[in-house]
Each structure stands twice: as structure tokens, then as C-alpha cells.
Amino acid sequence: MPGYGLQGPDEGTGLLPWEWAVRRLNAARNFWLCTVRPDGRPHAMPVWGCWSGEAFWFSSSRPSRKIKNLRDNADVVVTTEEAENPVVIEGRAEIVTDPVDLQRFIDMVNAKYDTGYRVDFLDPEVNAVVAVRPQWAFGLQQEDFKGSPTRWGFTR
């Protein structure tokens, strides 16, 4: 973040551990999903989602703009809703259809949002389940804006 007067990685609170980001991802109720339209314009929409340990998962109806966008361009950005202590993930989205994965996702959603959805809600002909695997992530704590910004990289 050039120009913000950031401190070095050992100054301020120092770099944040990935566990800090995981706690934020698990605690967030709503997320912003940013996709790219076929003509290159950005598209941002709020979604519910769950962090599984290796990916951010969400669902949407198959004819939605976000799913149409993902079919053409799998590059996405997902952010937590709170801007003061954000986690931003940039990654690649993959539509998931394996029944075991669909059950895993519905279990995560029901536990997190106190819902009672059944796995048939995720009929792949009607609704798409998407896993976003991060390529990198970014986070910072507002109370130490200059000392906490951290970027994490992920390998495939």
C-alpha cells in the first residue's frame, strides 16, 4: 500500500496470522462477491458464504448474473462486509456438483445461518454451488492501520 506510511513487518502489531483471517471469515455473516461481466465491467453482489478451510463457498441460482459471469471468467474477489477489519480474497471460482460436496456445503450453511435447508435445495439444475479457492488474501486491523496490513499467498 504505497503512500500510506505503513510500518515494516516487525513494527506495530506486525503481520497478522492467517488464523486471524480465518476467524473473520467464519464470523462474517455477509460477504461481497465481485465478478466480471462478459464486456469487462465489474459486478458486485452480497452473498452468504462459508469458509471451509481451503475455500470460500456460496450458492446462487444458475441464471443469476454472478453465475453467468463465472462461466465466462472464474476470477473473483470476495470480501467480508466489515470494512474496518477486512479480509479480501482474490481467487478462482469453481462450480461444484459432487453430491458429497453439496451435502458438506448445506451442512456448513445450516450450522452457520441456523437454517434448515435440505440438500435438494441445491439441485444443480436450479442452483449452483461455488467454491472460491484463494490465490491471495489481504487483511488489516483498523486500530493499527499502519502496522497490521498483511497479504497471504496460496499455492496450487
N, C-alpha and C. Protein backbone atom coordinates (compact mmCIF):
# COMPACT_ATOMS: atom_id res chain seq x y z
N MET A 1 0.84 -1.17 0.00
CA MET A 1 0.00 0.00 0.00
C MET A 1 0.88 1.24 0.00
N PRO A 2 1.56 1.52 -1.11
CA PRO A 2 2.45 2.68 -1.18
C PRO A 2 1.72 3.97 -0.84
N GLY A 3 2.42 4.86 -0.12
CA GLY A 3 1.87 6.17 0.18
C GLY A 3 1.06 6.25 1.45
N TYR A 4 0.89 5.15 2.17
CA TYR A 4 0.10 5.16 3.40
C TYR A 4 0.96 5.21 4.66
N GLY A 5 2.28 5.26 4.52
CA GLY A 5 3.15 5.33 5.69
C GLY A 5 3.17 4.06 6.51
N LEU A 6 3.04 2.95 5.87
CA LEU A 6 2.99 1.69 6.58
C LEU A 6 4.32 1.37 7.25
N GLN A 7 4.21 0.70 8.39
CA GLN A 7 5.38 0.27 9.12
C GLN A 7 5.87 -1.06 8.56
N GLY A 8 7.09 -1.42 8.92
CA GLY A 8 7.65 -2.69 8.48
C GLY A 8 6.95 -3.87 9.14
N PRO A 9 7.22 -5.08 8.66
CA PRO A 9 6.52 -6.26 9.15
C PRO A 9 6.74 -6.56 10.63
N ASP A 10 7.79 -6.00 11.23
CA ASP A 10 8.06 -6.25 12.65
C ASP A 10 7.70 -5.05 13.52
N GLU A 11 7.06 -4.03 12.95
CA GLU A 11 6.66 -2.84 13.69
C GLU A 11 5.15 -2.87 13.91
N GLY A 12 4.63 -1.98 14.76
CA GLY A 12 3.21 -2.00 15.06
C GLY A 12 2.83 -3.37 15.61
N THR A 13 1.67 -3.84 15.27
CA THR A 13 1.28 -5.18 15.72
C THR A 13 1.95 -6.24 14.88
N GLY A 14 2.57 -5.84 13.79
CA GLY A 14 3.24 -6.81 12.91
C GLY A 14 2.24 -7.51 12.01
N LEU A 15 2.76 -8.40 11.21
CA LEU A 15 1.91 -9.13 10.28
C LEU A 15 0.88 -9.98 11.04
N LEU A 16 -0.31 -10.03 10.50
CA LEU A 16 -1.39 -10.81 11.12
C LEU A 16 -1.24 -12.28 10.78
N PRO A 17 -1.55 -13.17 11.71
CA PRO A 17 -1.52 -14.60 11.39
C PRO A 17 -2.74 -14.96 10.55
N TRP A 18 -2.61 -15.99 9.73
CA TRP A 18 -3.73 -16.44 8.90
C TRP A 18 -4.93 -16.81 9.77
N GLU A 19 -4.69 -17.28 10.98
CA GLU A 19 -5.80 -17.64 11.88
C GLU A 19 -6.70 -16.43 12.15
N TRP A 20 -6.13 -15.23 12.17
CA TRP A 20 -6.93 -14.01 12.35
C TRP A 20 -7.93 -13.89 11.20
N ALA A 21 -7.45 -14.11 9.97
CA ALA A 21 -8.33 -14.02 8.80
C ALA A 21 -9.40 -15.11 8.84
N VAL A 22 -9.03 -16.31 9.23
CA VAL A 22 -10.00 -17.41 9.31
C VAL A 22 -11.10 -17.08 10.32
N ARG A 23 -10.73 -16.52 11.46
CA ARG A 23 -11.76 -16.12 12.44
C ARG A 23 -12.70 -15.09 11.83
N ARG A 24 -12.16 -14.12 11.09
CA ARG A 24 -13.01 -13.09 10.45
C ARG A 24 -13.93 -13.72 9.41
N LEU A 25 -13.40 -14.65 8.61
CA LEU A 25 -14.21 -15.31 7.59
C LEU A 25 -15.33 -16.14 8.22
N ASN A 26 -15.03 -16.80 9.31
CA ASN A 26 -16.05 -17.61 9.98
C ASN A 26 -17.09 -16.76 10.69
N ALA A 27 -16.70 -15.59 11.18
CA ALA A 27 -17.61 -14.73 11.92
C ALA A 27 -18.50 -13.88 11.02
N ALA A 28 -18.05 -13.58 9.82
CA ALA A 28 -18.82 -12.69 8.94
C ALA A 28 -20.12 -13.35 8.51
N ARG A 29 -21.18 -12.59 8.56
CA ARG A 29 -22.49 -13.09 8.11
C ARG A 29 -22.67 -12.88 6.62
N ASN A 30 -22.26 -11.72 6.13
CA ASN A 30 -22.45 -11.36 4.73
C ASN A 30 -21.09 -11.06 4.10
N PHE A 31 -21.04 -11.27 2.81
CA PHE A 31 -19.81 -11.05 2.04
C PHE A 31 -20.17 -10.31 0.76
N TRP A 32 -19.19 -9.64 0.19
CA TRP A 32 -19.33 -9.05 -1.14
C TRP A 32 -18.58 -9.93 -2.12
N LEU A 33 -19.26 -10.29 -3.19
CA LEU A 33 -18.67 -11.08 -4.27
C LEU A 33 -18.57 -10.19 -5.49
N CYS A 34 -17.38 -10.09 -6.05
CA CYS A 34 -17.16 -9.28 -7.25
C CYS A 34 -16.76 -10.21 -8.39
N THR A 35 -17.53 -10.15 -9.47
CA THR A 35 -17.25 -10.92 -10.68
C THR A 35 -17.08 -9.94 -11.83
N VAL A 36 -16.80 -10.48 -13.01
CA VAL A 36 -16.57 -9.65 -14.19
C VAL A 36 -17.59 -10.04 -15.26
N ARG A 37 -18.31 -9.03 -15.76
CA ARG A 37 -19.27 -9.27 -16.85
C ARG A 37 -18.51 -9.58 -18.15
N PRO A 38 -19.19 -10.21 -19.10
CA PRO A 38 -18.52 -10.52 -20.37
C PRO A 38 -17.91 -9.31 -21.07
N ASP A 39 -18.49 -8.12 -20.86
CA ASP A 39 -17.93 -6.92 -21.51
C ASP A 39 -16.83 -6.26 -20.67
N GLY A 40 -16.44 -6.91 -19.55
CA GLY A 40 -15.35 -6.41 -18.73
C GLY A 40 -15.76 -5.54 -17.56
N ARG A 41 -17.04 -5.17 -17.48
CA ARG A 41 -17.49 -4.34 -16.36
C ARG A 41 -17.57 -5.18 -15.09
N PRO A 42 -17.27 -4.58 -13.94
CA PRO A 42 -17.37 -5.31 -12.67
C PRO A 42 -18.82 -5.50 -12.25
N HIS A 43 -19.06 -6.52 -11.46
CA HIS A 43 -20.38 -6.82 -10.91
C HIS A 43 -20.19 -7.23 -9.46
N ALA A 44 -20.77 -6.50 -8.52
CA ALA A 44 -20.65 -6.81 -7.09
C ALA A 44 -22.02 -7.10 -6.51
N MET A 45 -22.10 -8.18 -5.73
CA MET A 45 -23.35 -8.56 -5.09
C MET A 45 -23.07 -9.14 -3.70
N PRO A 46 -23.98 -8.91 -2.74
CA PRO A 46 -23.80 -9.53 -1.43
C PRO A 46 -24.23 -11.00 -1.50
N VAL A 47 -23.53 -11.83 -0.73
CA VAL A 47 -23.88 -13.26 -0.65
C VAL A 47 -23.66 -13.74 0.78
N TRP A 48 -24.34 -14.81 1.13
CA TRP A 48 -24.00 -15.59 2.31
C TRP A 48 -22.90 -16.53 1.89
N GLY A 49 -22.02 -16.90 2.80
CA GLY A 49 -20.97 -17.84 2.45
C GLY A 49 -20.30 -18.44 3.65
N CYS A 50 -19.53 -19.48 3.39
CA CYS A 50 -18.83 -20.22 4.44
C CYS A 50 -17.39 -20.49 4.03
N TRP A 51 -16.50 -20.38 5.00
CA TRP A 51 -15.11 -20.75 4.79
C TRP A 51 -14.94 -22.19 5.26
N SER A 52 -14.40 -23.05 4.39
CA SER A 52 -14.29 -24.47 4.70
C SER A 52 -12.90 -24.89 5.16
N GLY A 53 -11.95 -23.99 5.15
CA GLY A 53 -10.58 -24.34 5.48
C GLY A 53 -9.66 -24.22 4.29
N GLU A 54 -10.22 -24.41 3.09
CA GLU A 54 -9.42 -24.26 1.88
C GLU A 54 -10.11 -23.43 0.80
N ALA A 55 -11.38 -23.11 1.03
CA ALA A 55 -12.14 -22.36 0.02
C ALA A 55 -13.30 -21.61 0.67
N PHE A 56 -13.74 -20.55 -0.01
CA PHE A 56 -14.95 -19.83 0.34
C PHE A 56 -16.07 -20.39 -0.52
N TRP A 57 -17.18 -20.78 0.09
CA TRP A 57 -18.29 -21.42 -0.62
C TRP A 57 -19.53 -20.52 -0.56
N PHE A 58 -20.27 -20.47 -1.64
CA PHE A 58 -21.56 -19.78 -1.68
C PHE A 58 -22.43 -20.46 -2.73
N SER A 59 -23.70 -20.09 -2.77
CA SER A 59 -24.59 -20.63 -3.79
C SER A 59 -25.41 -19.50 -4.40
N SER A 60 -25.93 -19.77 -5.58
CA SER A 60 -26.76 -18.79 -6.28
C SER A 60 -27.55 -19.53 -7.34
N SER A 61 -28.64 -18.93 -7.77
CA SER A 61 -29.41 -19.55 -8.84
C SER A 61 -28.59 -19.57 -10.13
N ARG A 62 -28.77 -20.63 -10.89
CA ARG A 62 -27.97 -20.78 -12.12
C ARG A 62 -28.15 -19.62 -13.10
N PRO A 63 -29.36 -19.05 -13.24
CA PRO A 63 -29.48 -17.94 -14.21
C PRO A 63 -29.04 -16.57 -13.67
N SER A 64 -28.51 -16.51 -12.45
CA SER A 64 -28.11 -15.22 -11.90
C SER A 64 -26.93 -14.64 -12.68
N ARG A 65 -26.79 -13.33 -12.63
CA ARG A 65 -25.69 -12.65 -13.32
C ARG A 65 -24.34 -13.15 -12.82
N LYS A 66 -24.21 -13.36 -11.50
CA LYS A 66 -22.91 -13.77 -10.97
C LYS A 66 -22.50 -15.14 -11.51
N ILE A 67 -23.43 -16.08 -11.63
CA ILE A 67 -23.09 -17.41 -12.16
C ILE A 67 -22.81 -17.32 -13.66
N LYS A 68 -23.57 -16.52 -14.38
CA LYS A 68 -23.28 -16.30 -15.80
C LYS A 68 -21.87 -15.73 -15.97
N ASN A 69 -21.52 -14.76 -15.12
CA ASN A 69 -20.18 -14.17 -15.19
C ASN A 69 -19.10 -15.21 -14.92
N LEU A 70 -19.32 -16.06 -13.92
CA LEU A 70 -18.32 -17.06 -13.54
C LEU A 70 -18.09 -18.09 -14.64
N ARG A 71 -19.11 -18.36 -15.42
CA ARG A 71 -18.95 -19.31 -16.53
C ARG A 71 -17.96 -18.78 -17.56
N ASP A 72 -17.94 -17.45 -17.74
CA ASP A 72 -17.04 -16.83 -18.71
C ASP A 72 -15.67 -16.47 -18.13
N ASN A 73 -15.65 -16.15 -16.84
CA ASN A 73 -14.41 -15.71 -16.20
C ASN A 73 -14.46 -16.12 -14.73
N ALA A 74 -13.65 -17.07 -14.35
CA ALA A 74 -13.67 -17.63 -12.99
C ALA A 74 -12.91 -16.77 -11.97
N ASP A 75 -12.31 -15.67 -12.40
CA ASP A 75 -11.58 -14.80 -11.47
C ASP A 75 -12.58 -13.97 -10.65
N VAL A 76 -12.45 -14.02 -9.32
CA VAL A 76 -13.37 -13.30 -8.44
C VAL A 76 -12.63 -12.67 -7.28
N VAL A 77 -13.32 -11.74 -6.62
CA VAL A 77 -12.88 -11.17 -5.35
C VAL A 77 -14.04 -11.33 -4.38
N VAL A 78 -13.71 -11.79 -3.17
CA VAL A 78 -14.69 -11.94 -2.09
C VAL A 78 -14.17 -11.14 -0.92
N THR A 79 -15.03 -10.34 -0.29
CA THR A 79 -14.63 -9.57 0.89
C THR A 79 -15.63 -9.76 2.01
N THR A 80 -15.14 -9.66 3.23
CA THR A 80 -16.05 -9.61 4.37
C THR A 80 -16.77 -8.28 4.33
N GLU A 81 -17.89 -8.20 5.02
CA GLU A 81 -18.71 -6.99 4.95
C GLU A 81 -18.18 -5.83 5.77
N GLU A 82 -17.38 -6.09 6.79
CA GLU A 82 -16.91 -5.04 7.66
C GLU A 82 -15.61 -4.44 7.11
N ALA A 83 -15.67 -3.18 6.72
CA ALA A 83 -14.51 -2.53 6.11
C ALA A 83 -13.42 -2.17 7.12
N GLU A 84 -13.75 -2.08 8.41
CA GLU A 84 -12.75 -1.68 9.40
C GLU A 84 -11.72 -2.78 9.66
N ASN A 85 -12.11 -4.03 9.53
CA ASN A 85 -11.22 -5.16 9.76
C ASN A 85 -11.43 -6.17 8.64
N PRO A 86 -11.10 -5.80 7.41
CA PRO A 86 -11.49 -6.62 6.27
C PRO A 86 -10.59 -7.83 6.04
N VAL A 87 -11.18 -8.81 5.39
CA VAL A 87 -10.43 -9.88 4.74
C VAL A 87 -10.89 -9.85 3.29
N VAL A 88 -9.94 -9.76 2.39
CA VAL A 88 -10.22 -9.71 0.95
C VAL A 88 -9.54 -10.93 0.33
N ILE A 89 -10.30 -11.70 -0.41
CA ILE A 89 -9.76 -12.89 -1.08
C ILE A 89 -9.88 -12.70 -2.58
N GLU A 90 -8.80 -12.92 -3.28
CA GLU A 90 -8.83 -12.97 -4.73
C GLU A 90 -8.54 -14.41 -5.12
N GLY A 91 -9.39 -14.97 -5.98
CA GLY A 91 -9.19 -16.37 -6.33
C GLY A 91 -9.95 -16.78 -7.57
N ARG A 92 -10.02 -18.08 -7.74
CA ARG A 92 -10.69 -18.69 -8.89
C ARG A 92 -11.91 -19.45 -8.38
N ALA A 93 -13.02 -19.26 -9.05
CA ALA A 93 -14.27 -19.90 -8.67
C ALA A 93 -14.48 -21.17 -9.50
N GLU A 94 -15.05 -22.16 -8.84
CA GLU A 94 -15.35 -23.43 -9.50
C GLU A 94 -16.76 -23.85 -9.09
N ILE A 95 -17.61 -24.15 -10.06
CA ILE A 95 -18.94 -24.67 -9.76
C ILE A 95 -18.80 -26.12 -9.34
N VAL A 96 -19.39 -26.45 -8.19
CA VAL A 96 -19.25 -27.77 -7.58
C VAL A 96 -20.56 -28.54 -7.76
N THR A 97 -20.46 -29.80 -8.18
CA THR A 97 -21.67 -30.61 -8.39
C THR A 97 -21.63 -31.96 -7.67
N ASP A 98 -20.48 -32.31 -7.09
CA ASP A 98 -20.36 -33.59 -6.40
C ASP A 98 -21.35 -33.64 -5.22
N PRO A 99 -22.19 -34.69 -5.14
CA PRO A 99 -23.18 -34.77 -4.05
C PRO A 99 -22.58 -34.70 -2.65
N VAL A 100 -21.40 -35.26 -2.44
CA VAL A 100 -20.76 -35.19 -1.13
C VAL A 100 -20.41 -33.74 -0.79
N ASP A 101 -19.89 -33.00 -1.77
CA ASP A 101 -19.56 -31.59 -1.55
C ASP A 101 -20.82 -30.76 -1.33
N LEU A 102 -21.89 -31.06 -2.06
CA LEU A 102 -23.15 -30.32 -1.86
C LEU A 102 -23.68 -30.53 -0.45
N GLN A 103 -23.62 -31.76 0.04
CA GLN A 103 -24.07 -32.03 1.41
C GLN A 103 -23.19 -31.31 2.42
N ARG A 104 -21.90 -31.31 2.18
CA ARG A 104 -20.95 -30.60 3.06
C ARG A 104 -21.29 -29.12 3.12
N PHE A 105 -21.56 -28.52 1.95
CA PHE A 105 -21.89 -27.10 1.91
C PHE A 105 -23.20 -26.82 2.64
N ILE A 106 -24.23 -27.62 2.40
CA ILE A 106 -25.52 -27.36 3.05
C ILE A 106 -25.39 -27.52 4.56
N ASP A 107 -24.56 -28.45 5.01
CA ASP A 107 -24.32 -28.61 6.45
C ASP A 107 -23.64 -27.36 7.02
N MET A 108 -22.67 -26.81 6.29
CA MET A 108 -21.99 -25.59 6.74
C MET A 108 -22.98 -24.42 6.81
N VAL A 109 -23.81 -24.27 5.78
CA VAL A 109 -24.79 -23.17 5.75
C VAL A 109 -25.79 -23.30 6.89
N ASN A 110 -26.33 -24.50 7.08
CA ASN A 110 -27.31 -24.70 8.15
C ASN A 110 -26.72 -24.42 9.52
N ALA A 111 -25.48 -24.81 9.74
CA ALA A 111 -24.83 -24.56 11.03
C ALA A 111 -24.55 -23.07 11.23
N LYS A 112 -24.05 -22.41 10.20
CA LYS A 112 -23.67 -21.00 10.33
C LYS A 112 -24.87 -20.07 10.42
N TYR A 113 -25.88 -20.30 9.58
CA TYR A 113 -27.00 -19.36 9.48
C TYR A 113 -28.26 -19.83 10.19
N ASP A 114 -28.16 -20.95 10.90
CA ASP A 114 -29.30 -21.51 11.64
C ASP A 114 -30.52 -21.71 10.73
N THR A 115 -30.24 -22.30 9.57
CA THR A 115 -31.30 -22.61 8.61
C THR A 115 -31.55 -24.11 8.62
N GLY A 116 -32.55 -24.53 7.90
CA GLY A 116 -32.89 -25.95 7.82
C GLY A 116 -32.99 -26.43 6.39
N TYR A 117 -32.12 -25.89 5.53
CA TYR A 117 -32.16 -26.29 4.13
C TYR A 117 -31.82 -27.77 3.98
N ARG A 118 -32.46 -28.40 3.02
CA ARG A 118 -32.11 -29.77 2.67
C ARG A 118 -31.24 -29.72 1.43
N VAL A 119 -30.49 -30.78 1.21
CA VAL A 119 -29.55 -30.79 0.09
C VAL A 119 -30.27 -30.66 -1.25
N ASP A 120 -31.55 -31.06 -1.33
CA ASP A 120 -32.27 -30.93 -2.61
C ASP A 120 -32.47 -29.47 -3.00
N PHE A 121 -32.32 -28.54 -2.05
CA PHE A 121 -32.34 -27.11 -2.37
C PHE A 121 -31.23 -26.75 -3.35
N LEU A 122 -30.17 -27.53 -3.31
CA LEU A 122 -29.00 -27.27 -4.15
C LEU A 122 -29.03 -28.07 -5.44
N ASP A 123 -30.19 -28.40 -5.94
CA ASP A 123 -30.32 -29.12 -7.21
C ASP A 123 -29.47 -28.41 -8.26
N PRO A 124 -28.43 -29.08 -8.78
CA PRO A 124 -27.52 -28.42 -9.74
C PRO A 124 -28.21 -27.90 -11.01
N GLU A 125 -29.41 -28.36 -11.28
CA GLU A 125 -30.16 -27.82 -12.43
C GLU A 125 -30.76 -26.46 -12.12
N VAL A 126 -30.89 -26.13 -10.83
CA VAL A 126 -31.55 -24.89 -10.40
C VAL A 126 -30.56 -23.93 -9.74
N ASN A 127 -29.75 -24.46 -8.82
CA ASN A 127 -28.83 -23.63 -8.04
C ASN A 127 -27.40 -24.13 -8.21
N ALA A 128 -26.49 -23.20 -8.28
CA ALA A 128 -25.07 -23.54 -8.39
C ALA A 128 -24.40 -23.33 -7.04
N VAL A 129 -23.55 -24.27 -6.66
CA VAL A 129 -22.69 -24.12 -5.50
C VAL A 129 -21.29 -23.82 -6.03
N VAL A 130 -20.67 -22.82 -5.45
CA VAL A 130 -19.38 -22.35 -5.96
C VAL A 130 -18.35 -22.37 -4.84
N ALA A 131 -17.17 -22.89 -5.15
CA ALA A 131 -16.03 -22.85 -4.23
C ALA A 131 -15.00 -21.90 -4.83
N VAL A 132 -14.59 -20.91 -4.05
CA VAL A 132 -13.56 -19.96 -4.47
C VAL A 132 -12.28 -20.32 -3.72
N ARG A 133 -11.31 -20.77 -4.46
CA ARG A 133 -10.01 -21.13 -3.87
C ARG A 133 -9.09 -19.91 -4.00
N PRO A 134 -8.58 -19.43 -2.86
CA PRO A 134 -7.79 -18.19 -2.89
C PRO A 134 -6.45 -18.34 -3.58
N GLN A 135 -6.08 -17.29 -4.29
CA GLN A 135 -4.72 -17.16 -4.82
C GLN A 135 -3.92 -16.26 -3.89
N TRP A 136 -4.59 -15.24 -3.35
CA TRP A 136 -4.02 -14.40 -2.32
C TRP A 136 -5.14 -13.83 -1.47
N ALA A 137 -4.80 -13.34 -0.30
CA ALA A 137 -5.76 -12.69 0.59
C ALA A 137 -5.06 -11.52 1.27
N PHE A 138 -5.86 -10.58 1.74
CA PHE A 138 -5.35 -9.37 2.38
C PHE A 138 -6.21 -9.08 3.60
N GLY A 139 -5.61 -8.59 4.66
CA GLY A 139 -6.36 -8.17 5.84
C GLY A 139 -5.63 -7.08 6.59
N LEU A 140 -6.39 -6.35 7.39
CA LEU A 140 -5.80 -5.35 8.27
C LEU A 140 -6.74 -5.07 9.42
N GLN A 141 -6.16 -4.57 10.52
CA GLN A 141 -6.93 -4.16 11.68
C GLN A 141 -6.98 -2.65 11.72
N GLN A 142 -8.17 -2.10 11.81
CA GLN A 142 -8.35 -0.65 11.80
C GLN A 142 -7.56 0.03 12.90
N GLU A 143 -7.51 -0.56 14.10
CA GLU A 143 -6.83 0.11 15.21
C GLU A 143 -5.32 0.18 15.02
N ASP A 144 -4.78 -0.59 14.08
CA ASP A 144 -3.35 -0.50 13.75
C ASP A 144 -3.23 -0.48 12.23
N PHE A 145 -3.84 0.51 11.64
CA PHE A 145 -3.90 0.63 10.18
C PHE A 145 -2.53 0.60 9.53
N LYS A 146 -1.54 1.24 10.17
CA LYS A 146 -0.20 1.33 9.57
C LYS A 146 0.70 0.15 9.92
N GLY A 147 0.33 -0.63 10.92
CA GLY A 147 1.20 -1.71 11.35
C GLY A 147 0.70 -3.12 11.05
N SER A 148 -0.58 -3.26 10.70
CA SER A 148 -1.13 -4.61 10.57
C SER A 148 -1.38 -5.11 9.16
N PRO A 149 -1.37 -4.29 8.10
CA PRO A 149 -1.72 -4.82 6.79
C PRO A 149 -0.87 -6.05 6.43
N THR A 150 -1.57 -7.09 6.02
CA THR A 150 -0.93 -8.37 5.74
C THR A 150 -1.49 -8.96 4.46
N ARG A 151 -0.61 -9.52 3.68
CA ARG A 151 -1.02 -10.22 2.45
C ARG A 151 -0.53 -11.66 2.54
N TRP A 152 -1.44 -12.60 2.28
CA TRP A 152 -1.12 -14.02 2.31
C TRP A 152 -1.18 -14.56 0.88
N GLY A 153 -0.24 -15.40 0.52
CA GLY A 153 -0.24 -16.04 -0.79
C GLY A 153 -0.53 -17.53 -0.65
N PHE A 154 -1.16 -18.10 -1.66
CA PHE A 154 -1.54 -19.51 -1.65
C PHE A 154 -1.00 -20.17 -2.91
N THR A 155 -0.53 -21.36 -2.79
CA THR A 155 -0.03 -22.10 -3.96
C THR A 155 -1.02 -23.20 -4.30
N ARG A 156 -0.98 -23.58 -5.54
CA ARG A 156 -1.87 -24.64 -6.03
C ARG A 156 -1.07 -25.86 -6.29
